[in-house]
Amino acid sequence: MPYHGDCWLVYLALLKREDIFPNRVLKVGITHASDPYYRLDYNKSDEPFPICNYFSDRIIIKAVQFDSEYASQALERKIMGMVKTEFNSDKFHNWRENDCISGITEMRIWSNIEARFILNIMKSYRAYNFNNDRLLESLVK
């Protein structure tokens, strides 16, 4: 089980699934666990619609670490606000889903342009050890 201490992470993840639109989604999230996969893989009785039940492939692209929940929430709000402004959206979430998947308000249909935009916001913060170099290289091109 991941360490739950003074560490807070803001992460960008790619979520994939087969045969259902959208089949690729980006998620910006916050976790108090030292491993953001713990949040994406969480499937306990208190979570009626866990992410892992809807997206079979979950990849952390980048994560940045903070010492406080407040600072991590500020970055998440900044990312979501800047994406809404830059891509002329009323809401960050941009599709309809039958179930209220956990964390759905922080998900968007995948766009390489939007993912690069988010990475540019995150790059001025201290990176954690979840830089997915292969994915990062494909997004930067």
N, C-alpha and C. Protein backbone atom coordinates (compact mmCIF):
# COMPACT_ATOMS: atom_id res chain seq x y z
N MET A 1 0.84 -1.18 0.00
CA MET A 1 0.00 0.00 0.00
C MET A 1 0.88 1.24 0.00
N PRO A 2 0.53 2.27 -0.82
CA PRO A 2 1.34 3.48 -0.88
C PRO A 2 1.33 4.24 0.43
N TYR A 3 2.40 4.97 0.64
CA TYR A 3 2.55 5.81 1.82
C TYR A 3 1.58 6.99 1.74
N HIS A 4 0.84 7.25 2.79
CA HIS A 4 -0.02 8.42 2.88
C HIS A 4 0.59 9.33 3.94
N GLY A 5 1.39 10.25 3.51
CA GLY A 5 2.07 11.13 4.46
C GLY A 5 1.84 12.57 4.10
N ASP A 6 2.90 13.35 4.16
CA ASP A 6 2.79 14.77 3.89
C ASP A 6 2.85 15.09 2.40
N CYS A 7 2.96 14.11 1.59
CA CYS A 7 3.10 14.28 0.15
C CYS A 7 1.74 14.38 -0.54
N TRP A 8 1.58 15.36 -1.38
CA TRP A 8 0.40 15.48 -2.24
C TRP A 8 0.89 15.52 -3.68
N LEU A 9 0.24 14.80 -4.57
CA LEU A 9 0.63 14.77 -5.98
C LEU A 9 -0.50 15.29 -6.85
N VAL A 10 -0.13 16.07 -7.84
CA VAL A 10 -1.04 16.43 -8.94
C VAL A 10 -0.51 15.67 -10.14
N TYR A 11 -1.39 14.94 -10.82
CA TYR A 11 -0.95 14.10 -11.92
C TYR A 11 -1.77 14.32 -13.17
N LEU A 12 -1.16 13.99 -14.30
CA LEU A 12 -1.85 13.93 -15.59
C LEU A 12 -1.79 12.48 -16.02
N ALA A 13 -2.95 11.91 -16.31
CA ALA A 13 -3.02 10.50 -16.70
C ALA A 13 -3.74 10.36 -18.04
N LEU A 14 -3.37 9.34 -18.76
CA LEU A 14 -4.07 8.91 -19.97
C LEU A 14 -4.86 7.66 -19.58
N LEU A 15 -6.17 7.70 -19.82
CA LEU A 15 -7.04 6.57 -19.52
C LEU A 15 -7.59 6.05 -20.84
N LYS A 16 -7.52 4.71 -21.03
CA LYS A 16 -7.98 4.12 -22.29
C LYS A 16 -8.97 2.99 -22.03
N ARG A 17 -9.88 2.82 -22.98
CA ARG A 17 -10.82 1.70 -22.95
C ARG A 17 -11.17 1.35 -24.39
N GLU A 18 -11.73 0.15 -24.57
CA GLU A 18 -12.07 -0.34 -25.90
C GLU A 18 -13.57 -0.19 -26.15
N ASP A 19 -13.93 0.09 -27.38
CA ASP A 19 -15.31 -0.03 -27.87
C ASP A 19 -16.31 0.93 -27.25
N ILE A 20 -15.89 1.92 -26.49
CA ILE A 20 -16.81 2.88 -25.91
C ILE A 20 -16.24 4.27 -26.14
N PHE A 21 -17.07 5.19 -26.60
CA PHE A 21 -16.63 6.57 -26.76
C PHE A 21 -16.74 7.30 -25.43
N PRO A 22 -15.77 8.10 -25.09
CA PRO A 22 -14.46 8.23 -25.72
C PRO A 22 -13.54 7.10 -25.26
N ASN A 23 -12.70 6.65 -26.17
CA ASN A 23 -11.82 5.53 -25.80
C ASN A 23 -10.48 6.01 -25.24
N ARG A 24 -10.19 7.31 -25.36
CA ARG A 24 -8.98 7.89 -24.75
C ARG A 24 -9.37 9.18 -24.03
N VAL A 25 -8.97 9.27 -22.77
CA VAL A 25 -9.36 10.38 -21.92
C VAL A 25 -8.14 10.86 -21.17
N LEU A 26 -8.04 12.18 -20.97
CA LEU A 26 -7.00 12.67 -20.07
C LEU A 26 -7.65 13.00 -18.74
N LYS A 27 -6.91 12.79 -17.66
CA LYS A 27 -7.40 13.09 -16.32
C LYS A 27 -6.34 13.86 -15.56
N VAL A 28 -6.76 14.97 -14.99
CA VAL A 28 -5.93 15.71 -14.05
C VAL A 28 -6.45 15.34 -12.68
N GLY A 29 -5.58 15.00 -11.76
CA GLY A 29 -6.05 14.58 -10.45
C GLY A 29 -5.08 14.92 -9.34
N ILE A 30 -5.58 14.73 -8.12
CA ILE A 30 -4.80 14.94 -6.91
C ILE A 30 -4.89 13.66 -6.09
N THR A 31 -3.79 13.30 -5.46
CA THR A 31 -3.82 12.17 -4.53
C THR A 31 -2.88 12.45 -3.36
N HIS A 32 -3.22 11.88 -2.22
CA HIS A 32 -2.38 11.98 -1.03
C HIS A 32 -1.47 10.76 -0.94
N ALA A 33 -1.68 9.80 -1.82
CA ALA A 33 -0.83 8.62 -1.86
C ALA A 33 0.49 8.96 -2.56
N SER A 34 1.53 8.24 -2.26
CA SER A 34 2.81 8.47 -2.91
C SER A 34 2.82 7.92 -4.35
N ASP A 35 1.84 7.14 -4.70
CA ASP A 35 1.73 6.54 -6.02
C ASP A 35 0.36 6.88 -6.60
N PRO A 36 0.31 7.70 -7.65
CA PRO A 36 -0.99 8.08 -8.21
C PRO A 36 -1.78 6.90 -8.78
N TYR A 37 -1.10 5.80 -9.09
CA TYR A 37 -1.84 4.63 -9.56
C TYR A 37 -2.79 4.10 -8.48
N TYR A 38 -2.45 4.35 -7.22
CA TYR A 38 -3.34 3.93 -6.13
C TYR A 38 -4.71 4.56 -6.30
N ARG A 39 -4.75 5.84 -6.68
CA ARG A 39 -6.02 6.53 -6.89
C ARG A 39 -6.74 5.96 -8.11
N LEU A 40 -6.03 5.76 -9.20
CA LEU A 40 -6.66 5.28 -10.43
C LEU A 40 -7.13 3.83 -10.32
N ASP A 41 -6.46 3.04 -9.48
CA ASP A 41 -6.81 1.62 -9.32
C ASP A 41 -7.73 1.37 -8.14
N TYR A 42 -8.09 2.41 -7.39
CA TYR A 42 -8.90 2.25 -6.18
C TYR A 42 -10.26 1.65 -6.52
N ASN A 43 -10.61 0.55 -5.83
CA ASN A 43 -11.86 -0.16 -6.11
C ASN A 43 -12.38 -0.79 -4.82
N LYS A 44 -12.87 0.05 -3.92
CA LYS A 44 -13.40 -0.42 -2.64
C LYS A 44 -14.90 -0.13 -2.60
N SER A 45 -15.56 -0.64 -1.59
CA SER A 45 -17.02 -0.53 -1.50
C SER A 45 -17.51 0.91 -1.38
N ASP A 46 -16.66 1.84 -0.91
CA ASP A 46 -17.08 3.24 -0.79
C ASP A 46 -17.00 4.00 -2.12
N GLU A 47 -16.56 3.32 -3.18
CA GLU A 47 -16.42 3.93 -4.50
C GLU A 47 -17.36 3.22 -5.48
N PRO A 48 -18.59 3.75 -5.69
CA PRO A 48 -19.57 3.04 -6.51
C PRO A 48 -19.20 2.93 -7.99
N PHE A 49 -18.45 3.89 -8.52
CA PHE A 49 -18.09 3.88 -9.94
C PHE A 49 -16.59 4.13 -10.10
N PRO A 50 -15.75 3.16 -9.71
CA PRO A 50 -14.30 3.37 -9.74
C PRO A 50 -13.75 3.50 -11.17
N ILE A 51 -12.75 4.32 -11.31
CA ILE A 51 -12.11 4.57 -12.60
C ILE A 51 -11.68 3.26 -13.25
N CYS A 52 -11.09 2.36 -12.47
CA CYS A 52 -10.54 1.12 -13.03
C CYS A 52 -11.62 0.21 -13.62
N ASN A 53 -12.88 0.41 -13.27
CA ASN A 53 -13.96 -0.39 -13.86
C ASN A 53 -14.38 0.13 -15.23
N TYR A 54 -13.93 1.31 -15.60
CA TYR A 54 -14.33 1.94 -16.86
C TYR A 54 -13.18 2.08 -17.84
N PHE A 55 -11.95 2.14 -17.32
CA PHE A 55 -10.78 2.33 -18.16
C PHE A 55 -9.76 1.25 -17.83
N SER A 56 -9.55 0.34 -18.77
CA SER A 56 -8.68 -0.82 -18.52
C SER A 56 -7.20 -0.45 -18.54
N ASP A 57 -6.85 0.59 -19.24
CA ASP A 57 -5.45 1.01 -19.34
C ASP A 57 -5.32 2.40 -18.74
N ARG A 58 -4.50 2.53 -17.70
CA ARG A 58 -4.32 3.78 -16.97
C ARG A 58 -2.84 4.08 -16.88
N ILE A 59 -2.42 5.20 -17.48
CA ILE A 59 -1.01 5.53 -17.57
C ILE A 59 -0.78 6.92 -16.98
N ILE A 60 0.10 7.01 -16.00
CA ILE A 60 0.49 8.31 -15.46
C ILE A 60 1.52 8.91 -16.40
N ILE A 61 1.25 10.10 -16.91
CA ILE A 61 2.18 10.77 -17.82
C ILE A 61 3.16 11.64 -17.04
N LYS A 62 2.63 12.36 -16.07
CA LYS A 62 3.49 13.24 -15.27
C LYS A 62 2.82 13.48 -13.93
N ALA A 63 3.62 13.66 -12.91
CA ALA A 63 3.11 14.01 -11.59
C ALA A 63 4.07 15.02 -10.97
N VAL A 64 3.50 15.96 -10.23
CA VAL A 64 4.31 16.92 -9.48
C VAL A 64 3.91 16.84 -8.01
N GLN A 65 4.87 17.06 -7.15
CA GLN A 65 4.69 16.85 -5.71
C GLN A 65 4.56 18.18 -4.98
N PHE A 66 3.68 18.18 -3.97
CA PHE A 66 3.49 19.36 -3.12
C PHE A 66 3.51 18.93 -1.67
N ASP A 67 3.79 19.89 -0.81
CA ASP A 67 3.80 19.63 0.63
C ASP A 67 2.44 19.83 1.28
N SER A 68 1.48 20.41 0.53
CA SER A 68 0.18 20.67 1.14
C SER A 68 -0.95 20.38 0.16
N GLU A 69 -2.08 20.05 0.73
CA GLU A 69 -3.28 19.83 -0.08
C GLU A 69 -3.69 21.13 -0.78
N TYR A 70 -3.57 22.23 -0.07
CA TYR A 70 -3.95 23.53 -0.63
C TYR A 70 -3.16 23.83 -1.91
N ALA A 71 -1.86 23.63 -1.88
CA ALA A 71 -1.02 23.90 -3.06
C ALA A 71 -1.38 22.97 -4.22
N SER A 72 -1.65 21.71 -3.92
CA SER A 72 -2.02 20.77 -4.99
C SER A 72 -3.37 21.14 -5.58
N GLN A 73 -4.32 21.54 -4.74
CA GLN A 73 -5.63 21.97 -5.24
C GLN A 73 -5.51 23.23 -6.09
N ALA A 74 -4.61 24.11 -5.71
CA ALA A 74 -4.40 25.35 -6.48
C ALA A 74 -3.90 25.02 -7.89
N LEU A 75 -2.96 24.09 -8.01
CA LEU A 75 -2.47 23.72 -9.34
C LEU A 75 -3.57 23.04 -10.15
N GLU A 76 -4.31 22.14 -9.54
CA GLU A 76 -5.40 21.48 -10.27
C GLU A 76 -6.41 22.51 -10.78
N ARG A 77 -6.79 23.46 -9.93
CA ARG A 77 -7.74 24.51 -10.35
C ARG A 77 -7.13 25.36 -11.47
N LYS A 78 -5.84 25.67 -11.35
CA LYS A 78 -5.17 26.47 -12.38
C LYS A 78 -5.20 25.75 -13.72
N ILE A 79 -4.86 24.47 -13.72
CA ILE A 79 -4.86 23.69 -14.97
C ILE A 79 -6.25 23.67 -15.57
N MET A 80 -7.25 23.34 -14.77
CA MET A 80 -8.61 23.22 -15.30
C MET A 80 -9.11 24.58 -15.81
N GLY A 81 -8.81 25.65 -15.08
CA GLY A 81 -9.23 26.98 -15.52
C GLY A 81 -8.57 27.41 -16.81
N MET A 82 -7.26 27.17 -16.91
CA MET A 82 -6.53 27.56 -18.12
C MET A 82 -6.97 26.74 -19.32
N VAL A 83 -7.27 25.45 -19.14
CA VAL A 83 -7.75 24.63 -20.25
C VAL A 83 -9.12 25.14 -20.71
N LYS A 84 -10.00 25.43 -19.77
CA LYS A 84 -11.33 25.95 -20.14
C LYS A 84 -11.20 27.25 -20.93
N THR A 85 -10.32 28.13 -20.48
CA THR A 85 -10.13 29.41 -21.17
C THR A 85 -9.49 29.22 -22.54
N GLU A 86 -8.40 28.46 -22.59
CA GLU A 86 -7.64 28.27 -23.83
C GLU A 86 -8.46 27.56 -24.91
N PHE A 87 -9.28 26.60 -24.50
CA PHE A 87 -10.02 25.79 -25.48
C PHE A 87 -11.52 26.11 -25.47
N ASN A 88 -11.87 27.29 -24.92
CA ASN A 88 -13.21 27.84 -24.98
C ASN A 88 -14.29 26.85 -24.53
N SER A 89 -14.13 26.34 -23.31
CA SER A 89 -15.07 25.38 -22.74
C SER A 89 -15.70 25.97 -21.48
N ASP A 90 -16.99 25.71 -21.30
CA ASP A 90 -17.65 26.14 -20.06
C ASP A 90 -17.23 25.26 -18.89
N LYS A 91 -17.00 23.97 -19.17
CA LYS A 91 -16.64 23.00 -18.15
C LYS A 91 -15.37 22.28 -18.59
N PHE A 92 -14.63 21.77 -17.63
CA PHE A 92 -13.44 20.98 -17.97
C PHE A 92 -13.88 19.65 -18.59
N HIS A 93 -14.84 18.99 -17.96
CA HIS A 93 -15.35 17.71 -18.45
C HIS A 93 -16.16 17.97 -19.73
N ASN A 94 -15.96 17.17 -20.78
CA ASN A 94 -16.57 17.51 -22.06
C ASN A 94 -17.24 16.35 -22.81
N TRP A 95 -17.84 15.42 -22.09
CA TRP A 95 -18.67 14.40 -22.73
C TRP A 95 -19.67 13.87 -21.72
N ARG A 96 -20.68 13.16 -22.23
CA ARG A 96 -21.71 12.57 -21.36
C ARG A 96 -21.38 11.11 -21.11
N GLU A 97 -21.58 10.69 -19.89
CA GLU A 97 -21.33 9.30 -19.49
C GLU A 97 -22.56 8.85 -18.71
N ASN A 98 -22.97 7.60 -18.88
CA ASN A 98 -24.16 7.10 -18.18
C ASN A 98 -23.96 7.08 -16.67
N ASP A 99 -22.78 6.70 -16.22
CA ASP A 99 -22.50 6.61 -14.79
C ASP A 99 -21.64 7.81 -14.36
N CYS A 100 -21.71 8.13 -13.11
CA CYS A 100 -20.89 9.21 -12.56
C CYS A 100 -19.55 8.61 -12.08
N ILE A 101 -18.67 8.36 -13.05
CA ILE A 101 -17.37 7.76 -12.76
C ILE A 101 -16.63 8.64 -11.76
N SER A 102 -15.98 8.02 -10.81
CA SER A 102 -15.20 8.75 -9.82
C SER A 102 -14.18 9.65 -10.52
N GLY A 103 -14.17 10.92 -10.15
CA GLY A 103 -13.21 11.85 -10.74
C GLY A 103 -13.56 12.34 -12.12
N ILE A 104 -14.80 12.12 -12.57
CA ILE A 104 -15.16 12.44 -13.95
C ILE A 104 -15.09 13.93 -14.27
N THR A 105 -15.29 14.79 -13.28
CA THR A 105 -15.24 16.23 -13.57
C THR A 105 -13.83 16.69 -13.91
N GLU A 106 -12.81 15.88 -13.62
CA GLU A 106 -11.43 16.22 -13.96
C GLU A 106 -10.94 15.45 -15.18
N MET A 107 -11.87 14.94 -16.00
CA MET A 107 -11.52 14.20 -17.21
C MET A 107 -11.98 14.95 -18.45
N ARG A 108 -11.21 14.79 -19.54
CA ARG A 108 -11.57 15.34 -20.85
C ARG A 108 -11.25 14.31 -21.92
N ILE A 109 -11.96 14.40 -23.03
CA ILE A 109 -11.62 13.58 -24.19
C ILE A 109 -10.18 13.91 -24.57
N TRP A 110 -9.38 12.86 -24.83
CA TRP A 110 -7.96 13.03 -25.12
C TRP A 110 -7.74 13.92 -26.33
N SER A 111 -6.81 14.83 -26.20
CA SER A 111 -6.33 15.68 -27.28
C SER A 111 -4.84 15.89 -27.04
N ASN A 112 -4.02 15.58 -28.04
CA ASN A 112 -2.57 15.81 -27.89
C ASN A 112 -2.28 17.28 -27.61
N ILE A 113 -3.02 18.16 -28.26
CA ILE A 113 -2.81 19.60 -28.08
C ILE A 113 -3.10 19.99 -26.63
N GLU A 114 -4.20 19.51 -26.08
CA GLU A 114 -4.55 19.83 -24.70
C GLU A 114 -3.59 19.19 -23.71
N ALA A 115 -3.17 17.96 -23.99
CA ALA A 115 -2.21 17.29 -23.11
C ALA A 115 -0.89 18.06 -23.08
N ARG A 116 -0.42 18.52 -24.25
CA ARG A 116 0.81 19.33 -24.29
C ARG A 116 0.64 20.63 -23.51
N PHE A 117 -0.53 21.24 -23.65
CA PHE A 117 -0.82 22.48 -22.93
C PHE A 117 -0.72 22.25 -21.41
N ILE A 118 -1.31 21.17 -20.93
CA ILE A 118 -1.27 20.84 -19.50
C ILE A 118 0.17 20.55 -19.06
N LEU A 119 0.90 19.80 -19.87
CA LEU A 119 2.31 19.51 -19.53
C LEU A 119 3.13 20.79 -19.42
N ASN A 120 2.86 21.76 -20.28
CA ASN A 120 3.58 23.03 -20.21
C ASN A 120 3.28 23.76 -18.91
N ILE A 121 2.05 23.67 -18.43
CA ILE A 121 1.72 24.28 -17.14
C ILE A 121 2.48 23.55 -16.03
N MET A 122 2.49 22.22 -16.09
CA MET A 122 3.10 21.41 -15.03
C MET A 122 4.63 21.48 -15.02
N LYS A 123 5.25 21.80 -16.15
CA LYS A 123 6.71 21.69 -16.23
C LYS A 123 7.45 22.69 -15.35
N SER A 124 6.79 23.75 -14.92
CA SER A 124 7.48 24.70 -14.05
C SER A 124 7.47 24.25 -12.58
N TYR A 125 6.85 23.11 -12.32
CA TYR A 125 6.80 22.56 -10.97
C TYR A 125 7.76 21.38 -10.87
N ARG A 126 8.18 21.07 -9.66
CA ARG A 126 9.11 19.96 -9.42
C ARG A 126 8.46 18.64 -9.84
N ALA A 127 9.08 17.95 -10.76
CA ALA A 127 8.53 16.68 -11.26
C ALA A 127 8.77 15.56 -10.27
N TYR A 128 7.83 14.66 -10.21
CA TYR A 128 7.94 13.46 -9.40
C TYR A 128 8.46 12.36 -10.32
N ASN A 129 8.57 11.15 -9.86
CA ASN A 129 9.19 10.10 -10.66
C ASN A 129 8.21 9.37 -11.58
N PHE A 130 7.17 10.05 -12.05
CA PHE A 130 6.23 9.42 -12.96
C PHE A 130 6.26 10.05 -14.34
N ASN A 131 7.40 10.60 -14.73
CA ASN A 131 7.53 11.10 -16.08
C ASN A 131 7.57 9.91 -17.03
N ASN A 132 6.61 9.82 -17.90
CA ASN A 132 6.55 8.75 -18.89
C ASN A 132 7.22 9.29 -20.15
N ASP A 133 8.52 9.08 -20.28
CA ASP A 133 9.32 9.72 -21.32
C ASP A 133 8.81 9.44 -22.73
N ARG A 134 8.43 8.20 -23.02
CA ARG A 134 7.98 7.87 -24.36
C ARG A 134 6.72 8.66 -24.72
N LEU A 135 5.76 8.72 -23.81
CA LEU A 135 4.54 9.49 -24.06
C LEU A 135 4.84 10.98 -24.12
N LEU A 136 5.69 11.45 -23.23
CA LEU A 136 6.04 12.87 -23.22
C LEU A 136 6.65 13.28 -24.58
N GLU A 137 7.56 12.45 -25.09
CA GLU A 137 8.19 12.77 -26.38
C GLU A 137 7.17 12.85 -27.50
N SER A 138 6.21 11.95 -27.52
CA SER A 138 5.20 11.97 -28.59
C SER A 138 4.28 13.18 -28.47
N LEU A 139 4.07 13.68 -27.26
CA LEU A 139 3.20 14.84 -27.07
C LEU A 139 3.90 16.15 -27.39
N VAL A 140 5.21 16.20 -27.20
CA VAL A 140 5.96 17.43 -27.40
C VAL A 140 6.17 17.70 -28.87
N LYS A 141 6.18 16.68 -29.69
CA LYS A 141 6.42 16.85 -31.14
C LYS A 141 5.32 17.64 -31.80
